[in-house]
Amino acid sequence: MGWKSHRKNFKYFKSAVNEMIYLTYNDQPSGVYFSQVTDVCNYVNQKFDAEIRLVALISVRGFSTNKKAIKRNFSNAVILPMFPKQKNWRKNKIILKFLFLVIGKQNIWSRGIFATNMALELKQKGWVRKVVFDGRGAYEAEYKEYLNKIVHSTNDIFKLEETSINSSDCRIAVSNQLVDYWRKNYDYKLSIHFIIPCTLGNFDEATFPSEMALEEIRKNMGFNKDDIVFIYSGSSADWQSLKWVDDFVLLQMQHNAAIKFILLSNSKSEHLKTYKEFPDRIIQKWVKASEVPDYLLASDYGILIRENSVTNQVASPTKFAEYLNAGLNVLISEHIGDFTEFTRHNKCGTIISDFNIGYNFCRLAYSQKVNNFNLAQKYFTKRIYIDTYKALIEVLRN
């Protein structure tokens, strides 16, 4: 992380014709980051001959490792160390001013409220042309419901979110429910926005395995033909409601001895009631992203059960598309973004409205798995939103 490295990046930027910058702040590389940031940049550049340049402000902790991870997915990215501690987020404008001094005035596609407010404040100073707010959720609600002990007051977050929504030139929302939330809570009256849910990574656009191939994957995982396999793939973050998942799966395993449970999470399985009662029917692992697909393909049902919070009501969980793409029926609670109604309308899962009963789950038929895969390809690949991305680019070009 030396000046020579940054100077090389700046020189590249200066020589390129930049239509816009995709700006991220304090987002560490992860599967979600790659599918929703680097894959999007690569896709839009390829399809529209655009010149989007990723600028990522990341923590100095693990800087070198995280920089390499991002560059593996977007080689021309400029990765810069952010000022330590999120409370100092505004100081990062100094870094961006220096960057824009080298490369000139920019359009900025900004992910989240901190990146967007930096861009808007720089726009007031004449360093930025247009700003797109990429809204990934309800930020003030998330801080109030889950993060209220971290760094900022909810009043601060409310103001930042309000500014992002009402002062940007254009907006992206991950769900229709999120736009309704903006209208209700932030007096959003415009219609200059685009709905783009969390989509699959580019490499997830593929053909579905044969029935024989699926059986081989299941066999290699240690499952037999009568097993009914549930899977939860995700973190133990509070909004993912792992306690609710534990309670639900425990009841279903008590009700049906054929149910097995795969827990792909950083949570320790020994802390779960399900593990304490059925340790021989649970597989708990925290695996590389490249290993996740086989575990999904070996399963029948993907679990997306969350508490009824505002954060979850407006969300677009990436796992929904990933579960469908692996052929799974989704076990989903009420009020999860636009996806509960999607599940109900497309008959691709079960709406879990009563957590106190044992449902009659059975092994999922191959034909249903193919149907679910086709739904994922129809609604959650980037190519489906090509016209939306085109319209977004036009807003920035005009």
Protein backbone atom coordinates (compact mmCIF):
# COMPACT_ATOMS: atom_id res chain seq x y z
CA MET A 1 0.00 0.00 0.00
CA GLY A 2 2.46 2.68 -1.11
CA TRP A 3 2.20 5.98 -2.95
CA LYS A 4 3.64 4.40 -6.11
CA SER A 5 0.73 1.94 -6.21
CA HIS A 6 -1.86 4.71 -5.82
CA ARG A 7 -0.05 6.94 -8.38
CA LYS A 8 -0.24 4.09 -10.91
CA ASN A 9 -3.99 3.83 -10.32
CA PHE A 10 -4.46 7.58 -10.67
CA LYS A 11 -2.44 7.60 -13.89
CA TYR A 12 -4.70 4.88 -15.29
CA PHE A 13 -7.78 6.87 -14.30
CA LYS A 14 -6.46 10.03 -15.89
CA SER A 15 -5.84 8.25 -19.20
CA ALA A 16 -9.31 6.70 -19.28
CA VAL A 17 -12.55 8.30 -20.40
CA ASN A 18 -14.71 7.92 -17.32
CA GLU A 19 -18.47 8.17 -17.54
CA MET A 20 -18.93 7.46 -13.86
CA ILE A 21 -17.45 6.04 -10.72
CA TYR A 22 -19.05 3.33 -8.64
CA LEU A 23 -18.16 4.38 -5.10
CA THR A 24 -18.27 2.04 -2.11
CA TYR A 25 -17.39 2.92 1.45
CA ASN A 26 -16.45 0.49 4.22
CA ASP A 27 -17.74 -2.53 2.27
CA GLN A 28 -15.38 -5.46 2.64
CA PRO A 29 -15.09 -8.02 -0.19
CA SER A 30 -17.60 -10.84 0.10
CA GLY A 31 -19.88 -12.90 -2.08
CA VAL A 32 -22.53 -10.18 -1.89
CA TYR A 33 -20.00 -7.47 -2.77
CA PHE A 34 -18.82 -9.38 -5.82
CA SER A 35 -22.31 -10.21 -7.13
CA GLN A 36 -23.80 -6.76 -6.41
CA VAL A 37 -20.81 -4.49 -7.09
CA THR A 38 -17.97 -5.91 -9.20
CA ASP A 39 -20.22 -8.13 -11.31
CA VAL A 40 -22.57 -5.19 -11.94
CA CYS A 41 -19.69 -2.93 -12.99
CA ASN A 42 -18.28 -5.59 -15.29
CA TYR A 43 -21.71 -6.34 -16.75
CA VAL A 44 -22.65 -2.72 -17.47
CA ASN A 45 -19.24 -1.95 -18.95
CA GLN A 46 -19.53 -4.96 -21.25
CA LYS A 47 -23.12 -4.46 -22.37
CA PHE A 48 -23.11 -0.68 -22.86
CA ASP A 49 -19.48 0.04 -23.66
CA ALA A 50 -19.50 2.15 -20.52
CA GLU A 51 -16.51 3.27 -18.50
CA ILE A 52 -17.54 2.63 -14.92
CA ARG A 53 -14.56 2.68 -12.58
CA LEU A 54 -14.87 1.14 -9.15
CA VAL A 55 -13.45 3.20 -6.27
CA ALA A 56 -13.51 1.35 -2.96
CA LEU A 57 -12.67 3.00 0.34
CA ILE A 58 -11.90 0.14 2.72
CA SER A 59 -10.53 -0.32 6.22
CA VAL A 60 -6.78 -0.26 6.79
CA ARG A 61 -7.25 -3.49 8.71
CA GLY A 62 -6.56 -6.31 6.26
CA PHE A 63 -6.09 -3.71 3.52
CA SER A 64 -3.66 -5.67 1.34
CA THR A 65 -5.69 -8.90 1.43
CA ASN A 66 -8.99 -7.16 0.73
CA LYS A 67 -7.48 -5.05 -2.03
CA LYS A 68 -6.24 -8.17 -3.82
CA ALA A 69 -9.65 -9.84 -3.44
CA ILE A 70 -11.46 -6.91 -5.04
CA LYS A 71 -8.93 -6.56 -7.84
CA ARG A 72 -9.29 -10.23 -8.72
CA ASN A 73 -12.89 -9.46 -9.59
CA PHE A 74 -12.40 -5.95 -11.02
CA SER A 75 -8.80 -5.44 -12.05
CA ASN A 76 -9.04 -1.71 -12.76
CA ALA A 77 -10.50 -0.80 -9.37
CA VAL A 78 -8.85 1.87 -7.27
CA ILE A 79 -8.72 0.68 -3.68
CA LEU A 80 -7.98 3.36 -1.11
CA PRO A 81 -7.62 3.24 2.69
CA MET A 82 -10.47 5.00 4.45
CA PHE A 83 -9.98 7.18 7.49
CA PRO A 84 -10.08 4.93 10.58
CA LYS A 85 -13.42 4.67 12.41
CA GLN A 86 -16.73 5.14 10.67
CA LYS A 87 -17.53 8.28 12.69
CA ASN A 88 -14.84 9.98 10.57
CA TRP A 89 -16.55 9.11 7.29
CA ARG A 90 -16.72 12.74 6.09
CA LYS A 91 -12.93 13.05 6.17
CA ASN A 92 -12.78 10.66 3.22
CA LYS A 93 -13.90 13.55 1.01
CA ILE A 94 -10.29 14.73 1.16
CA ILE A 95 -9.21 11.50 -0.53
CA LEU A 96 -11.90 11.84 -3.19
CA LYS A 97 -11.05 15.50 -3.83
CA PHE A 98 -7.46 14.50 -4.54
CA LEU A 99 -8.67 11.73 -6.86
CA PHE A 100 -10.98 14.07 -8.77
CA LEU A 101 -8.21 16.67 -9.00
CA VAL A 102 -6.33 14.06 -11.05
CA ILE A 103 -9.20 12.61 -13.10
CA GLY A 104 -11.64 15.51 -13.30
CA LYS A 105 -15.32 15.94 -12.44
CA GLN A 106 -17.28 12.68 -12.25
CA ASN A 107 -20.73 11.12 -12.15
CA ILE A 108 -20.97 8.90 -9.08
CA TRP A 109 -23.00 5.74 -8.57
CA SER A 110 -22.77 5.42 -4.80
CA ARG A 111 -23.59 2.41 -2.67
CA GLY A 112 -25.28 3.27 0.63
CA ILE A 113 -25.89 6.49 2.53
CA PHE A 114 -22.30 7.32 3.52
CA ALA A 115 -20.88 7.08 0.00
CA THR A 116 -23.90 8.99 -1.32
CA ASN A 117 -23.59 11.85 1.17
CA MET A 118 -19.89 12.18 0.37
CA ALA A 119 -20.78 12.38 -3.32
CA LEU A 120 -23.57 14.92 -2.72
CA GLU A 121 -21.36 17.16 -0.61
CA LEU A 122 -18.69 17.05 -3.31
CA LYS A 123 -21.37 17.86 -5.89
CA GLN A 124 -22.17 21.05 -3.98
CA LYS A 125 -18.50 21.99 -4.28
CA GLY A 126 -18.47 21.38 -8.03
CA TRP A 127 -16.41 18.17 -8.03
CA VAL A 128 -19.26 15.86 -9.07
CA ARG A 129 -21.83 16.10 -11.86
CA LYS A 130 -24.61 13.64 -10.99
CA VAL A 131 -25.19 11.22 -8.10
CA VAL A 132 -27.05 7.90 -8.15
CA PHE A 133 -28.06 6.59 -4.73
CA ASP A 134 -27.88 2.80 -4.67
CA GLY A 135 -30.19 2.03 -1.73
CA ARG A 136 -29.62 -1.44 -0.35
CA GLY A 137 -32.14 -1.23 2.48
CA ALA A 138 -33.74 0.95 5.17
CA TYR A 139 -30.68 2.37 6.91
CA GLU A 140 -32.25 4.32 9.77
CA ALA A 141 -34.52 1.38 10.57
CA GLU A 142 -31.57 -1.02 10.52
CA TYR A 143 -29.60 1.15 12.94
CA LYS A 144 -32.62 1.51 15.21
CA GLU A 145 -33.51 -2.20 15.13
CA TYR A 146 -30.09 -3.84 15.08
CA LEU A 147 -27.14 -1.42 15.12
CA ASN A 148 -28.21 1.28 17.56
CA LYS A 149 -25.15 0.76 19.75
CA ILE A 150 -22.70 1.29 16.90
CA VAL A 151 -21.11 4.68 16.20
CA HIS A 152 -24.04 6.80 15.04
CA SER A 153 -27.31 8.01 16.53
CA THR A 154 -30.42 7.04 14.58
CA ASN A 155 -31.11 10.77 14.14
CA ASP A 156 -27.82 11.14 12.24
CA ILE A 157 -28.68 8.15 10.06
CA PHE A 158 -32.18 9.51 9.38
CA LYS A 159 -30.73 12.76 8.05
CA LEU A 160 -28.17 10.96 5.88
CA GLU A 161 -30.83 8.66 4.46
CA GLU A 162 -33.23 11.54 3.82
CA THR A 163 -30.54 13.47 1.97
CA SER A 164 -29.57 10.42 -0.09
CA ILE A 165 -33.17 9.78 -1.14
CA ASN A 166 -34.33 13.32 -1.88
CA SER A 167 -31.16 15.03 -3.12
CA SER A 168 -29.74 12.42 -5.51
CA ASP A 169 -30.31 12.72 -9.24
CA CYS A 170 -31.49 9.11 -9.46
CA ARG A 171 -32.09 6.18 -7.14
CA ILE A 172 -31.89 2.40 -7.17
CA ALA A 173 -34.05 0.41 -4.76
CA VAL A 174 -33.78 -3.33 -4.12
CA SER A 175 -37.55 -3.74 -3.71
CA ASN A 176 -40.87 -2.01 -4.31
CA GLN A 177 -41.35 -2.19 -0.56
CA LEU A 178 -38.27 -0.01 -0.10
CA VAL A 179 -39.69 2.69 -2.39
CA ASP A 180 -42.95 2.60 -0.42
CA TYR A 181 -40.88 3.03 2.75
CA TRP A 182 -39.18 6.09 1.25
CA ARG A 183 -42.54 7.63 0.39
CA LYS A 184 -44.00 6.98 3.81
CA ASN A 185 -41.03 7.99 5.96
CA TYR A 186 -39.04 10.50 3.87
CA ASP A 187 -41.74 12.25 1.85
CA TYR A 188 -40.25 10.92 -1.37
CA LYS A 189 -42.47 12.21 -4.18
CA LEU A 190 -40.34 11.67 -7.29
CA SER A 191 -40.39 8.76 -9.72
CA ILE A 192 -36.76 8.87 -10.84
CA HIS A 193 -35.82 5.46 -9.49
CA PHE A 194 -35.20 1.91 -10.67
CA ILE A 195 -36.08 -1.36 -8.94
CA ILE A 196 -33.23 -3.88 -9.18
CA PRO A 197 -33.33 -6.72 -6.64
CA CYS A 198 -30.21 -8.54 -5.53
CA THR A 199 -29.37 -10.66 -8.55
CA LEU A 200 -27.26 -13.73 -9.10
CA GLY A 201 -23.57 -13.47 -9.78
CA ASN A 202 -22.73 -13.54 -13.48
CA PHE A 203 -21.32 -17.03 -13.23
CA ASP A 204 -24.58 -18.35 -11.81
CA GLU A 205 -26.23 -18.06 -15.23
CA ALA A 206 -25.97 -21.72 -16.23
CA THR A 207 -27.85 -24.88 -17.07
CA PHE A 208 -29.37 -26.98 -14.32
CA PRO A 209 -27.73 -30.34 -13.46
CA SER A 210 -29.39 -33.58 -14.50
CA GLU A 211 -31.37 -35.61 -11.99
CA MET A 212 -28.60 -38.20 -11.95
CA ALA A 213 -25.99 -35.52 -11.22
CA LEU A 214 -28.06 -34.20 -8.31
CA GLU A 215 -28.38 -37.67 -6.85
CA GLU A 216 -24.62 -38.09 -7.05
CA ILE A 217 -24.08 -34.77 -5.23
CA ARG A 218 -26.51 -35.84 -2.49
CA LYS A 219 -24.81 -39.21 -2.15
CA ASN A 220 -21.39 -37.55 -1.83
CA MET A 221 -22.80 -35.39 0.95
CA GLY A 222 -23.92 -38.47 2.84
CA PHE A 223 -27.67 -38.21 2.20
CA ASN A 224 -29.90 -41.08 1.10
CA LYS A 225 -32.91 -41.02 -1.23
CA ASP A 226 -35.40 -40.67 1.64
CA ASP A 227 -33.73 -37.71 3.38
CA ILE A 228 -35.47 -34.34 3.27
CA VAL A 229 -32.71 -31.75 3.40
CA PHE A 230 -33.15 -28.24 4.80
CA ILE A 231 -30.38 -25.69 4.38
CA TYR A 232 -29.67 -22.30 5.93
CA SER A 233 -26.91 -20.35 4.21
CA GLY A 234 -25.99 -17.04 5.79
CA SER A 235 -24.38 -15.26 8.69
CA SER A 236 -25.49 -15.06 12.29
CA ALA A 237 -26.24 -11.31 12.02
CA ASP A 238 -29.22 -10.33 14.17
CA TRP A 239 -31.52 -9.43 11.27
CA GLN A 240 -31.09 -12.92 9.83
CA SER A 241 -32.98 -14.24 12.86
CA LEU A 242 -31.05 -17.46 13.40
CA LYS A 243 -32.90 -18.07 16.67
CA TRP A 244 -36.17 -18.17 14.72
CA VAL A 245 -34.60 -20.59 12.24
CA ASP A 246 -33.43 -22.80 15.11
CA ASP A 247 -36.89 -22.92 16.70
CA PHE A 248 -38.60 -23.66 13.39
CA VAL A 249 -36.19 -26.39 12.28
CA LEU A 250 -36.27 -28.04 15.71
CA LEU A 251 -40.05 -28.39 15.54
CA GLN A 252 -39.93 -29.77 11.98
CA MET A 253 -37.24 -32.31 12.91
CA GLN A 254 -39.32 -33.41 15.90
CA HIS A 255 -42.28 -33.80 13.57
CA ASN A 256 -40.44 -35.62 10.76
CA ALA A 257 -37.50 -37.98 11.34
CA ALA A 258 -36.45 -37.78 7.66
CA ILE A 259 -35.43 -34.12 7.88
CA LYS A 260 -31.71 -33.32 7.88
CA PHE A 261 -30.31 -29.82 8.34
CA ILE A 262 -27.29 -28.15 6.71
CA LEU A 263 -26.15 -25.00 8.50
CA LEU A 264 -23.75 -22.98 6.35
CA SER A 265 -23.02 -20.26 8.85
CA ASN A 266 -20.34 -18.88 11.11
CA SER A 267 -22.62 -19.64 14.05
CA LYS A 268 -21.51 -22.53 16.26
CA SER A 269 -23.99 -25.37 15.94
CA GLU A 270 -23.53 -26.45 19.57
CA HIS A 271 -25.31 -23.26 20.61
CA LEU A 272 -28.47 -24.32 18.80
CA LYS A 273 -31.32 -26.26 20.37
CA THR A 274 -31.58 -28.24 17.15
CA TYR A 275 -28.03 -29.51 17.52
CA LYS A 276 -28.45 -30.36 21.17
CA GLU A 277 -31.42 -32.60 20.38
CA PHE A 278 -30.38 -33.93 16.93
CA PRO A 279 -26.57 -33.69 16.59
CA ASP A 280 -26.47 -36.60 14.15
CA ARG A 281 -28.91 -34.91 11.77
CA ILE A 282 -27.05 -31.61 11.38
CA ILE A 283 -24.09 -30.61 9.20
CA GLN A 284 -22.56 -27.30 10.24
CA LYS A 285 -19.86 -25.71 8.09
CA TRP A 286 -18.47 -22.30 7.12
CA VAL A 287 -17.19 -22.91 3.60
CA LYS A 288 -15.68 -20.99 0.71
CA ALA A 289 -18.12 -19.36 -1.71
CA SER A 290 -17.05 -21.82 -4.41
CA GLU A 291 -18.17 -24.74 -2.23
CA VAL A 292 -21.64 -23.41 -1.42
CA PRO A 293 -23.40 -24.49 -4.68
CA ASP A 294 -22.95 -28.23 -4.05
CA TYR A 295 -24.48 -27.95 -0.59
CA LEU A 296 -27.42 -26.06 -2.06
CA LEU A 297 -27.86 -28.57 -4.88
CA ALA A 298 -27.90 -31.42 -2.35
CA SER A 299 -30.82 -29.82 -0.50
CA ASP A 300 -34.57 -29.57 -0.95
CA TYR A 301 -35.57 -26.46 1.02
CA GLY A 302 -33.76 -23.17 1.58
CA ILE A 303 -34.64 -21.33 4.78
CA LEU A 304 -35.36 -17.61 4.69
CA ILE A 305 -37.17 -17.09 7.96
CA ARG A 306 -36.78 -13.69 9.58
CA GLU A 307 -38.51 -11.61 12.19
CA ASN A 308 -41.03 -9.00 11.04
CA SER A 309 -38.84 -5.89 11.25
CA VAL A 310 -38.71 -2.91 8.89
CA THR A 311 -35.21 -4.00 7.89
CA ASN A 312 -36.60 -7.31 6.63
CA GLN A 313 -39.82 -5.85 5.20
CA VAL A 314 -37.89 -3.86 2.60
CA ALA A 315 -35.01 -6.30 2.05
CA SER A 316 -33.87 -8.19 -1.02
CA PRO A 317 -31.92 -11.15 0.41
CA THR A 318 -29.41 -12.49 -2.09
CA LYS A 319 -30.05 -15.99 -0.75
CA PHE A 320 -33.57 -16.02 -2.18
CA ALA A 321 -32.25 -15.99 -5.74
CA GLU A 322 -29.44 -18.40 -4.86
CA TYR A 323 -31.87 -20.89 -3.30
CA LEU A 324 -34.13 -20.79 -6.37
CA ASN A 325 -31.18 -21.08 -8.72
CA ALA A 326 -30.17 -24.29 -6.95
CA GLY A 327 -33.71 -25.62 -7.46
CA LEU A 328 -34.82 -25.27 -3.84
CA ASN A 329 -38.25 -24.45 -2.53
CA VAL A 330 -37.94 -21.47 -0.21
CA LEU A 331 -39.30 -21.57 3.34
CA ILE A 332 -40.00 -17.90 3.85
CA SER A 333 -41.73 -15.89 6.56
CA GLU A 334 -44.29 -13.16 5.94
CA HIS A 335 -43.23 -9.64 4.93
CA ILE A 336 -39.78 -10.33 3.42
CA GLY A 337 -39.40 -7.54 0.85
CA ASP A 338 -41.16 -8.42 -2.40
CA PHE A 339 -40.26 -12.09 -2.02
CA THR A 340 -43.04 -13.43 0.17
CA GLU A 341 -45.60 -12.49 -2.46
CA PHE A 342 -43.29 -13.76 -5.20
CA THR A 343 -43.15 -17.14 -3.45
CA ARG A 344 -46.91 -17.24 -3.04
CA HIS A 345 -47.61 -16.21 -6.64
CA ASN A 346 -45.06 -18.54 -8.24
CA LYS A 347 -45.64 -21.51 -5.92
CA CYS A 348 -41.91 -21.91 -5.30
CA GLY A 349 -41.97 -22.48 -1.56
CA THR A 350 -43.95 -22.31 1.65
CA ILE A 351 -45.01 -19.16 3.53
CA ILE A 352 -44.30 -19.90 7.16
CA SER A 353 -47.02 -17.99 8.99
CA ASP A 354 -47.40 -20.36 11.94
CA PHE A 355 -44.22 -21.33 13.77
CA ASN A 356 -45.96 -23.68 16.18
CA ILE A 357 -46.97 -26.47 13.84
CA GLY A 358 -45.17 -29.27 12.04
CA TYR A 359 -45.54 -28.92 8.28
CA ASN A 360 -45.77 -31.96 6.02
CA PHE A 361 -42.57 -31.54 4.01
CA CYS A 362 -41.46 -34.18 1.55
CA ARG A 363 -38.51 -34.77 -0.76
CA LEU A 364 -38.66 -32.21 -3.57
CA ALA A 365 -39.39 -33.61 -7.04
CA TYR A 366 -36.82 -32.98 -9.77
CA SER A 367 -39.47 -31.26 -11.92
CA GLN A 368 -40.10 -28.72 -9.15
CA LYS A 369 -36.37 -28.07 -8.85
CA VAL A 370 -36.14 -27.37 -12.57
CA ASN A 371 -39.12 -25.03 -12.30
CA ASN A 372 -37.46 -23.11 -9.45
CA PHE A 373 -34.21 -22.84 -11.40
CA ASN A 374 -36.11 -21.44 -14.38
CA LEU A 375 -37.75 -18.83 -12.13
CA ALA A 376 -34.33 -17.72 -10.91
CA GLN A 377 -33.08 -17.40 -14.47
CA LYS A 378 -36.21 -15.51 -15.51
CA TYR A 379 -36.29 -12.98 -12.68
CA PHE A 380 -32.90 -12.74 -10.96
CA THR A 381 -30.15 -12.68 -13.57
CA LYS A 382 -28.54 -9.40 -14.61
CA ARG A 383 -29.55 -9.89 -18.22
CA ILE A 384 -33.21 -9.58 -17.18
CA TYR A 385 -32.49 -6.01 -16.02
CA ILE A 386 -30.55 -4.96 -19.10
CA ASP A 387 -33.17 -2.34 -20.06
CA THR A 388 -33.15 -1.00 -16.50
CA TYR A 389 -29.37 -0.66 -16.49
CA LYS A 390 -29.59 0.99 -19.92
CA ALA A 391 -32.08 3.56 -18.61
CA LEU A 392 -29.86 4.23 -15.61
CA ILE A 393 -26.84 4.82 -17.83
CA GLU A 394 -28.89 7.19 -19.98
CA VAL A 395 -29.79 9.27 -16.92
CA LEU A 396 -26.10 9.72 -16.19
CA ARG A 397 -25.11 10.35 -19.80
CA ASN A 398 -27.69 13.10 -20.34
